[in-house]
């Protein structure tokens, strides 16, 4: 006489239950396709961003100055935690990245302007 292990018996019972759950009728209802117009707004450039902004870090004070290059004016001086040793632009040029290496700190400053690539 062959001995069936408990594991094999449980596997066979589970397979039987799963097979019994299925039916032979499949109901698929197709929906009508709806077209959504794409409004990419490529033709409407009513508000141009101008020349952009420039971030300048003060190496002796914990300040980053944001200048508007269109008006040649100071927009704002932003306090950061420590004086920035390095100041970088983020890959999309939206953020100024203030690196304070001696203090193991990095802060991100939003320049307030960004552009999307239209293509």
Protein backbone atom coordinates (compact mmCIF):
# COMPACT_ATOMS: atom_id res chain seq x y z
CA UNK A 1 0.00 0.00 0.00
CA UNK A 2 1.29 3.43 -0.95
CA UNK A 3 1.45 6.15 1.73
CA UNK A 4 0.37 9.63 0.66
CA UNK A 5 2.02 12.46 2.55
CA UNK A 6 -0.05 15.16 4.20
CA UNK A 7 1.57 17.81 1.99
CA UNK A 8 0.53 16.00 -1.21
CA UNK A 9 -3.00 15.51 0.11
CA UNK A 10 -3.38 19.23 0.95
CA UNK A 11 -2.03 20.20 -2.48
CA UNK A 12 -4.54 17.91 -4.22
CA UNK A 13 -7.44 19.32 -2.15
CA UNK A 14 -6.43 22.90 -2.90
CA UNK A 15 -6.19 22.17 -6.64
CA UNK A 16 -9.65 20.56 -6.58
CA UNK A 17 -11.16 23.60 -4.87
CA UNK A 18 -9.56 25.99 -7.36
CA UNK A 19 -10.75 23.99 -10.37
CA UNK A 20 -14.28 23.91 -8.96
CA UNK A 21 -14.40 27.71 -8.68
CA UNK A 22 -14.17 28.37 -12.40
CA UNK A 23 -17.08 28.52 -14.80
CA UNK A 24 -17.26 27.91 -18.51
CA UNK A 25 -19.03 31.17 -19.39
CA UNK A 26 -17.01 34.28 -20.20
CA UNK A 27 -18.80 37.60 -20.45
CA UNK A 28 -16.87 40.42 -22.08
CA UNK A 29 -18.57 43.73 -22.70
CA UNK A 30 -16.71 46.05 -25.02
CA UNK A 31 -17.05 49.75 -24.35
CA UNK A 32 -17.16 52.34 -27.08
CA UNK A 33 -13.86 54.10 -27.59
CA UNK A 34 -13.87 57.68 -26.41
CA UNK A 35 -11.37 60.10 -27.82
CA UNK A 36 -10.06 62.70 -25.44
CA UNK A 37 -8.67 65.79 -27.16
CA UNK A 38 -5.14 66.61 -26.11
CA UNK A 39 -4.69 70.24 -25.18
CA UNK A 40 -0.93 70.68 -25.07
CA UNK A 41 -1.16 74.49 -25.14
CA UNK A 42 1.86 74.77 -27.42
CA UNK A 43 0.44 77.72 -29.33
CA UNK A 44 -0.44 79.84 -26.32
CA UNK A 45 2.69 81.46 -24.90
CA UNK A 46 1.06 84.52 -23.43
CA UNK A 47 3.35 84.56 -20.41
CA UNK A 48 7.02 84.09 -21.25
CA UNK A 49 9.40 83.48 -18.37
CA UNK A 50 12.13 85.86 -19.50
CA UNK A 51 15.80 85.41 -18.70
CA UNK A 52 15.29 83.49 -15.47
CA UNK A 53 16.77 83.81 -12.00
CA UNK A 54 20.23 83.49 -10.53
CA UNK A 55 21.08 82.13 -7.08
CA UNK A 56 24.22 83.42 -5.35
CA UNK A 57 25.48 81.99 -2.06
CA UNK A 58 27.17 84.11 0.58
CA UNK A 59 30.20 82.12 1.79
CA UNK A 60 30.39 83.90 5.14
CA UNK A 61 26.70 84.06 6.01
CA UNK A 62 23.95 81.46 5.82
CA UNK A 63 22.19 83.30 2.98
CA UNK A 64 21.33 82.60 -0.64
CA UNK A 65 20.35 85.61 -2.74
CA UNK A 66 17.91 85.14 -5.65
CA UNK A 67 18.22 87.69 -8.48
CA UNK A 68 15.74 88.25 -11.33
CA UNK A 69 17.84 88.53 -14.49
CA UNK A 70 15.03 90.18 -16.47
CA UNK A 71 14.82 93.18 -14.11
CA UNK A 72 18.36 92.99 -12.66
CA UNK A 73 16.80 93.09 -9.20
CA UNK A 74 17.12 91.15 -5.97
CA UNK A 75 13.99 89.01 -5.54
CA UNK A 76 14.74 87.59 -2.12
CA UNK A 77 17.49 86.66 0.33
CA UNK A 78 16.81 83.24 1.80
CA UNK A 79 18.27 82.03 5.09
CA UNK A 80 19.72 78.53 5.12
CA UNK A 81 21.01 76.47 8.02
CA UNK A 82 24.76 77.05 7.50
CA UNK A 83 26.90 78.95 4.97
CA UNK A 84 26.87 77.10 1.64
CA UNK A 85 30.24 75.82 0.46
CA UNK A 86 28.88 74.88 -2.98
CA UNK A 87 25.83 75.98 -4.93
CA UNK A 88 24.56 73.90 -7.85
CA UNK A 89 21.55 73.99 -10.17
CA UNK A 90 19.29 70.94 -10.24
CA UNK A 91 19.12 69.02 -13.56
CA UNK A 92 15.99 70.91 -14.72
CA UNK A 93 17.35 74.24 -13.34
CA UNK A 94 14.36 74.74 -11.07
CA UNK A 95 16.13 74.30 -7.74
CA UNK A 96 19.32 75.74 -6.30
CA UNK A 97 21.15 73.05 -4.33
CA UNK A 98 23.09 74.51 -1.38
CA UNK A 99 25.74 72.03 -0.21
CA UNK A 100 27.10 72.53 3.30
CA UNK A 101 29.67 69.75 3.31
CA UNK A 102 31.30 70.62 6.64
CA UNK A 103 27.91 70.24 8.32
CA UNK A 104 26.73 67.18 6.29
CA UNK A 105 23.75 69.18 5.04
CA UNK A 106 22.18 69.80 1.64
CA UNK A 107 19.26 72.20 1.16
CA UNK A 108 17.10 72.76 -1.91
CA UNK A 109 15.76 76.21 -2.78
CA UNK A 110 12.92 76.56 -5.27
CA UNK A 111 13.72 79.37 -7.70
CA UNK A 112 10.03 80.02 -8.33
CA UNK A 113 10.28 79.62 -12.13
CA UNK A 114 10.45 76.57 -14.34
CA UNK A 115 10.02 75.75 -17.98
CA UNK A 116 8.62 72.72 -19.75
CA UNK A 117 10.22 71.38 -22.88
CA UNK A 118 7.76 71.66 -25.78
CA UNK A 119 8.36 69.36 -28.65
